[in-house]
Amino acid sequence: GEIRDAETAKIAIEASLTGHLVFSTLHTNDAPSAITRLIDIGVQPFLVASSIIAVMAQRLVRRICPKCKEPYTPTPADIKASGLTPEQVGTGKFMHGKGCTNCNKTGYRGRQGIYEMLRLDGRLREMAFKGASAQEMRRHAKSKGMRNLLDDGMLKVCKGMTTFEEVLSTCHHDSALDH
């Protein structure tokens, strides 16, 4: 079930500490914020640090319609906001949907997930125990190779699956844009 309060969080943490693999949901903007959210609702930091293996964040973005998909050249503003490297831009297959009867003239049909996986290493456990901010944990995880929601979304933009606009509007919060 979903963790909405201290009582539910306590039950989930206790189950994990007794050897059970617990999967749950928690409403946060990104994976590192789940750690701080658990602490904010009353779970002791040492319990969070010792019981969490990983946290996954996900969002849905609209897929470009396969019937009216066509190549296009991204604007300099799109590229700047995306955080893509010149190499990624050079090899990207950027597409957009021009709109057709298949997609109700929207250019989109269906949805695609974008994901962020935070695996708690020793340093992240220590940071959680000491009450570090989500931003500090995010910085550490990124330095260790974590792909955040924006990064994963931009990979899907480069593959022609969705658009800059769609990913940027979905990842508009500051934490996703924290490259």
C-alpha atoms as a PDB file:
ATOM      1  CA  GLY A   1       0.000   0.000   0.000  1.00  0.00           C
ATOM      2  CA  GLU A   2       0.844   3.647  -0.006  1.00  0.00           C
ATOM      3  CA  ILE A   3       2.751   5.282   2.839  1.00  0.00           C
ATOM      4  CA  ARG A   4       0.743   8.357   3.825  1.00  0.00           C
ATOM      5  CA  ASP A   5       1.388   8.664   7.543  1.00  0.00           C
ATOM      6  CA  ALA A   6       3.731   7.748  10.381  1.00  0.00           C
ATOM      7  CA  GLU A   7       1.773   4.622  11.342  1.00  0.00           C
ATOM      8  CA  THR A   8       1.955   3.112   7.845  1.00  0.00           C
ATOM      9  CA  ALA A   9       5.619   4.080   7.535  1.00  0.00           C
ATOM     10  CA  LYS A  10       6.384   2.412  10.879  1.00  0.00           C
ATOM     11  CA  ILE A  11       4.706  -0.836   9.762  1.00  0.00           C
ATOM     12  CA  ALA A  12       6.656  -0.841   6.479  1.00  0.00           C
ATOM     13  CA  ILE A  13       9.982  -0.124   8.200  1.00  0.00           C
ATOM     14  CA  GLU A  14       9.394  -2.810  10.857  1.00  0.00           C
ATOM     15  CA  ALA A  15       8.548  -5.362   8.169  1.00  0.00           C
ATOM     16  CA  SER A  16      11.726  -4.531   6.252  1.00  0.00           C
ATOM     17  CA  LEU A  17      13.844  -4.803   9.393  1.00  0.00           C
ATOM     18  CA  THR A  18      12.499  -8.311  10.042  1.00  0.00           C
ATOM     19  CA  GLY A  19      13.693  -9.560   6.670  1.00  0.00           C
ATOM     20  CA  HIS A  20      10.679  -8.845   4.477  1.00  0.00           C
ATOM     21  CA  LEU A  21      11.101  -7.182   1.107  1.00  0.00           C
ATOM     22  CA  VAL A  22       8.659  -4.275   1.180  1.00  0.00           C
ATOM     23  CA  PHE A  23       7.411  -2.389  -1.867  1.00  0.00           C
ATOM     24  CA  SER A  24       5.336   0.718  -1.328  1.00  0.00           C
ATOM     25  CA  THR A  25       4.471   4.071  -2.841  1.00  0.00           C
ATOM     26  CA  LEU A  26       5.096   7.541  -1.511  1.00  0.00           C
ATOM     27  CA  HIS A  27       4.255  10.846  -3.177  1.00  0.00           C
ATOM     28  CA  THR A  28       7.439  12.863  -3.717  1.00  0.00           C
ATOM     29  CA  ASN A  29       9.015  14.793  -6.591  1.00  0.00           C
ATOM     30  CA  ASP A  30      11.970  12.447  -6.953  1.00  0.00           C
ATOM     31  CA  ALA A  31      13.747   9.485  -5.373  1.00  0.00           C
ATOM     32  CA  PRO A  32      15.978  11.349  -2.871  1.00  0.00           C
ATOM     33  CA  SER A  33      12.936  13.242  -1.561  1.00  0.00           C
ATOM     34  CA  ALA A  34      11.390   9.930  -0.488  1.00  0.00           C
ATOM     35  CA  ILE A  35      14.151   9.546   2.110  1.00  0.00           C
ATOM     36  CA  THR A  36      13.553  12.993   3.585  1.00  0.00           C
ATOM     37  CA  ARG A  37       9.766  12.529   3.372  1.00  0.00           C
ATOM     38  CA  LEU A  38       9.924   9.381   5.528  1.00  0.00           C
ATOM     39  CA  ILE A  39      11.968  11.276   8.110  1.00  0.00           C
ATOM     40  CA  ASP A  40       9.565  14.245   7.924  1.00  0.00           C
ATOM     41  CA  ILE A  41       6.554  12.033   8.719  1.00  0.00           C
ATOM     42  CA  GLY A  42       8.254  10.709  11.826  1.00  0.00           C
ATOM     43  CA  VAL A  43      10.453   7.729  10.947  1.00  0.00           C
ATOM     44  CA  GLN A  44      13.738   7.889  12.826  1.00  0.00           C
ATOM     45  CA  PRO A  45      16.669   8.631  10.479  1.00  0.00           C
ATOM     46  CA  PHE A  46      18.610   5.561  11.657  1.00  0.00           C
ATOM     47  CA  LEU A  47      15.624   3.344  10.745  1.00  0.00           C
ATOM     48  CA  VAL A  48      15.360   4.887   7.278  1.00  0.00           C
ATOM     49  CA  ALA A  49      19.112   4.517   6.760  1.00  0.00           C
ATOM     50  CA  SER A  50      19.128   0.864   7.787  1.00  0.00           C
ATOM     51  CA  SER A  51      15.941  -0.320   6.097  1.00  0.00           C
ATOM     52  CA  ILE A  52      15.848   1.206   2.602  1.00  0.00           C
ATOM     53  CA  ILE A  53      17.677  -0.588  -0.227  1.00  0.00           C
ATOM     54  CA  ALA A  54      16.553   1.587  -3.117  1.00  0.00           C
ATOM     55  CA  VAL A  55      13.946   4.130  -4.145  1.00  0.00           C
ATOM     56  CA  MET A  56      12.501   4.501  -7.627  1.00  0.00           C
ATOM     57  CA  ALA A  57      10.752   7.599  -8.929  1.00  0.00           C
ATOM     58  CA  GLN A  58       8.665   7.533 -12.067  1.00  0.00           C
ATOM     59  CA  ARG A  59       6.632   9.858 -14.238  1.00  0.00           C
ATOM     60  CA  LEU A  60       4.621   9.328 -17.397  1.00  0.00           C
ATOM     61  CA  VAL A  61       5.277  11.378 -20.518  1.00  0.00           C
ATOM     62  CA  ARG A  62       3.257  11.313 -23.704  1.00  0.00           C
ATOM     63  CA  ARG A  63       4.688   9.295 -26.609  1.00  0.00           C
ATOM     64  CA  ILE A  64       4.966  10.838 -30.041  1.00  0.00           C
ATOM     65  CA  CYS A  65       2.277   9.500 -32.369  1.00  0.00           C
ATOM     66  CA  PRO A  66       3.830   6.836 -34.620  1.00  0.00           C
ATOM     67  CA  LYS A  67       1.527   7.745 -37.535  1.00  0.00           C
ATOM     68  CA  CYS A  68       2.512  11.417 -37.817  1.00  0.00           C
ATOM     69  CA  LYS A  69       6.004  11.332 -36.294  1.00  0.00           C
ATOM     70  CA  GLU A  70       8.565  13.365 -38.232  1.00  0.00           C
ATOM     71  CA  PRO A  71      12.144  14.554 -37.629  1.00  0.00           C
ATOM     72  CA  TYR A  72      12.810  18.086 -36.476  1.00  0.00           C
ATOM     73  CA  THR A  73      15.691  20.243 -35.320  1.00  0.00           C
ATOM     74  CA  PRO A  74      15.491  21.259 -31.652  1.00  0.00           C
ATOM     75  CA  THR A  75      15.731  24.932 -30.771  1.00  0.00           C
ATOM     76  CA  PRO A  76      18.776  26.281 -28.906  1.00  0.00           C
ATOM     77  CA  ALA A  77      16.447  26.950 -25.939  1.00  0.00           C
ATOM     78  CA  ASP A  78      15.353  23.285 -25.894  1.00  0.00           C
ATOM     79  CA  ILE A  79      18.955  22.122 -25.970  1.00  0.00           C
ATOM     80  CA  LYS A  80      20.025  24.526 -23.220  1.00  0.00           C
ATOM     81  CA  ALA A  81      17.141  23.510 -20.923  1.00  0.00           C
ATOM     82  CA  SER A  82      17.740  19.803 -21.559  1.00  0.00           C
ATOM     83  CA  GLY A  83      21.277  19.542 -20.259  1.00  0.00           C
ATOM     84  CA  LEU A  84      22.230  17.365 -23.242  1.00  0.00           C
ATOM     85  CA  THR A  85      25.858  17.250 -24.289  1.00  0.00           C
ATOM     86  CA  PRO A  86      26.851  18.316 -27.824  1.00  0.00           C
ATOM     87  CA  GLU A  87      27.569  14.632 -28.546  1.00  0.00           C
ATOM     88  CA  GLN A  88      24.056  13.602 -27.483  1.00  0.00           C
ATOM     89  CA  VAL A  89      22.541  16.365 -29.598  1.00  0.00           C
ATOM     90  CA  GLY A  90      24.655  15.293 -32.576  1.00  0.00           C
ATOM     91  CA  THR A  91      23.526  11.668 -32.385  1.00  0.00           C
ATOM     92  CA  GLY A  92      19.917  12.325 -31.331  1.00  0.00           C
ATOM     93  CA  LYS A  93      16.952  11.358 -33.498  1.00  0.00           C
ATOM     94  CA  PHE A  94      14.667  14.218 -32.550  1.00  0.00           C
ATOM     95  CA  MET A  95      11.045  13.814 -33.555  1.00  0.00           C
ATOM     96  CA  HIS A  96       7.705  15.462 -33.058  1.00  0.00           C
ATOM     97  CA  GLY A  97       4.173  14.654 -34.114  1.00  0.00           C
ATOM     98  CA  LYS A  98       2.572  17.000 -36.606  1.00  0.00           C
ATOM     99  CA  GLY A  99      -0.930  15.841 -35.612  1.00  0.00           C
ATOM    100  CA  CYS A 100      -3.268  13.451 -37.413  1.00  0.00           C
ATOM    101  CA  THR A 101      -6.579  11.652 -36.964  1.00  0.00           C
ATOM    102  CA  ASN A 102      -4.793   8.827 -35.104  1.00  0.00           C
ATOM    103  CA  CYS A 103      -3.781  11.203 -32.292  1.00  0.00           C
ATOM    104  CA  ASN A 104      -6.660  13.706 -32.448  1.00  0.00           C
ATOM    105  CA  LYS A 105      -4.279  16.291 -33.924  1.00  0.00           C
ATOM    106  CA  THR A 106      -2.196  16.360 -30.699  1.00  0.00           C
ATOM    107  CA  GLY A 107       0.980  14.743 -32.049  1.00  0.00           C
ATOM    108  CA  TYR A 108       0.943  12.290 -29.141  1.00  0.00           C
ATOM    109  CA  ARG A 109      -0.487   8.816 -28.660  1.00  0.00           C
ATOM    110  CA  GLY A 110       0.066   6.738 -25.543  1.00  0.00           C
ATOM    111  CA  ARG A 111       2.422   7.194 -22.617  1.00  0.00           C
ATOM    112  CA  GLN A 112       5.979   6.224 -21.740  1.00  0.00           C
ATOM    113  CA  GLY A 113       7.601   6.016 -18.316  1.00  0.00           C
ATOM    114  CA  ILE A 114      10.672   7.960 -17.297  1.00  0.00           C
ATOM    115  CA  TYR A 115      12.516   6.645 -14.258  1.00  0.00           C
ATOM    116  CA  GLU A 116      15.045   7.458 -11.568  1.00  0.00           C
ATOM    117  CA  MET A 117      16.593   4.768  -9.352  1.00  0.00           C
ATOM    118  CA  LEU A 118      18.369   5.730  -6.136  1.00  0.00           C
ATOM    119  CA  ARG A 119      20.376   2.861  -4.645  1.00  0.00           C
ATOM    120  CA  LEU A 120      21.450   3.560  -1.094  1.00  0.00           C
ATOM    121  CA  ASP A 121      25.196   3.120  -0.751  1.00  0.00           C
ATOM    122  CA  GLY A 122      27.095   3.570   2.506  1.00  0.00           C
ATOM    123  CA  ARG A 123      27.476   7.307   2.005  1.00  0.00           C
ATOM    124  CA  LEU A 124      23.751   7.821   1.288  1.00  0.00           C
ATOM    125  CA  ARG A 125      22.866   5.811   4.400  1.00  0.00           C
ATOM    126  CA  GLU A 126      25.184   8.036   6.429  1.00  0.00           C
ATOM    127  CA  MET A 127      23.643  11.135   4.852  1.00  0.00           C
ATOM    128  CA  ALA A 128      20.111   9.935   5.687  1.00  0.00           C
ATOM    129  CA  PHE A 129      21.191   9.134   9.252  1.00  0.00           C
ATOM    130  CA  LYS A 130      22.641  12.638   9.648  1.00  0.00           C
ATOM    131  CA  GLY A 131      19.566  14.338   8.167  1.00  0.00           C
ATOM    132  CA  ALA A 132      21.059  15.545   4.881  1.00  0.00           C
ATOM    133  CA  SER A 133      18.739  17.319   2.470  1.00  0.00           C
ATOM    134  CA  ALA A 134      17.287  15.637  -0.605  1.00  0.00           C
ATOM    135  CA  GLN A 135      19.390  17.997  -2.721  1.00  0.00           C
ATOM    136  CA  GLU A 136      22.609  16.853  -1.016  1.00  0.00           C
ATOM    137  CA  MET A 137      21.661  13.196  -1.478  1.00  0.00           C
ATOM    138  CA  ARG A 138      20.752  13.862  -5.112  1.00  0.00           C
ATOM    139  CA  ARG A 139      24.134  15.490  -5.743  1.00  0.00           C
ATOM    140  CA  HIS A 140      25.945  12.498  -4.248  1.00  0.00           C
ATOM    141  CA  ALA A 141      23.866   9.987  -6.218  1.00  0.00           C
ATOM    142  CA  LYS A 142      24.424  11.911  -9.463  1.00  0.00           C
ATOM    143  CA  SER A 143      28.174  11.939  -8.781  1.00  0.00           C
ATOM    144  CA  LYS A 144      27.963   8.133  -8.522  1.00  0.00           C
ATOM    145  CA  GLY A 145      26.136   7.818 -11.838  1.00  0.00           C
ATOM    146  CA  MET A 146      22.448   8.011 -10.962  1.00  0.00           C
ATOM    147  CA  ARG A 147      20.313   8.997 -13.945  1.00  0.00           C
ATOM    148  CA  ASN A 148      17.567  11.334 -12.745  1.00  0.00           C
ATOM    149  CA  LEU A 149      14.101  11.788 -14.256  1.00  0.00           C
ATOM    150  CA  LEU A 150      15.264  14.568 -16.562  1.00  0.00           C
ATOM    151  CA  ASP A 151      18.262  12.536 -17.761  1.00  0.00           C
ATOM    152  CA  ASP A 152      16.085   9.504 -18.516  1.00  0.00           C
ATOM    153  CA  GLY A 153      13.498  11.670 -20.225  1.00  0.00           C
ATOM    154  CA  MET A 154      16.140  13.297 -22.406  1.00  0.00           C
ATOM    155  CA  LEU A 155      17.464   9.881 -23.427  1.00  0.00           C
ATOM    156  CA  LYS A 156      13.953   9.108 -24.641  1.00  0.00           C
ATOM    157  CA  VAL A 157      13.844  12.465 -26.460  1.00  0.00           C
ATOM    158  CA  CYS A 158      17.121  11.554 -28.214  1.00  0.00           C
ATOM    159  CA  LYS A 159      15.570   8.237 -29.279  1.00  0.00           C
ATOM    160  CA  GLY A 160      12.567  10.005 -30.814  1.00  0.00           C
ATOM    161  CA  MET A 161      10.071   8.602 -28.304  1.00  0.00           C
ATOM    162  CA  THR A 162       8.871  11.881 -26.779  1.00  0.00           C
ATOM    163  CA  THR A 163       9.591  15.600 -27.025  1.00  0.00           C
ATOM    164  CA  PHE A 164      11.651  18.189 -25.172  1.00  0.00           C
ATOM    165  CA  GLU A 165       8.475  20.041 -24.232  1.00  0.00           C
ATOM    166  CA  GLU A 166       6.873  16.947 -22.766  1.00  0.00           C
ATOM    167  CA  VAL A 167       9.874  15.992 -20.621  1.00  0.00           C
ATOM    168  CA  LEU A 168      10.595  19.544 -19.501  1.00  0.00           C
ATOM    169  CA  SER A 169       6.963  20.126 -18.489  1.00  0.00           C
ATOM    170  CA  THR A 170       6.899  16.814 -16.588  1.00  0.00           C
ATOM    171  CA  CYS A 171      10.232  17.481 -14.850  1.00  0.00           C
ATOM    172  CA  HIS A 172       9.612  21.147 -14.135  1.00  0.00           C
ATOM    173  CA  HIS A 173      10.452  20.987 -10.432  1.00  0.00           C
ATOM    174  CA  ASP A 174      13.887  22.162  -9.321  1.00  0.00           C
ATOM    175  CA  SER A 175      15.117  18.732  -8.211  1.00  0.00           C
ATOM    176  CA  ALA A 176      14.713  17.191 -11.658  1.00  0.00           C
ATOM    177  CA  LEU A 177      16.564  20.095 -13.219  1.00  0.00           C
ATOM    178  CA  ASP A 178      19.437  19.806 -10.763  1.00  0.00           C
ATOM    179  CA  HIS A 179      21.932  18.288 -13.206  1.00  0.00           C
END
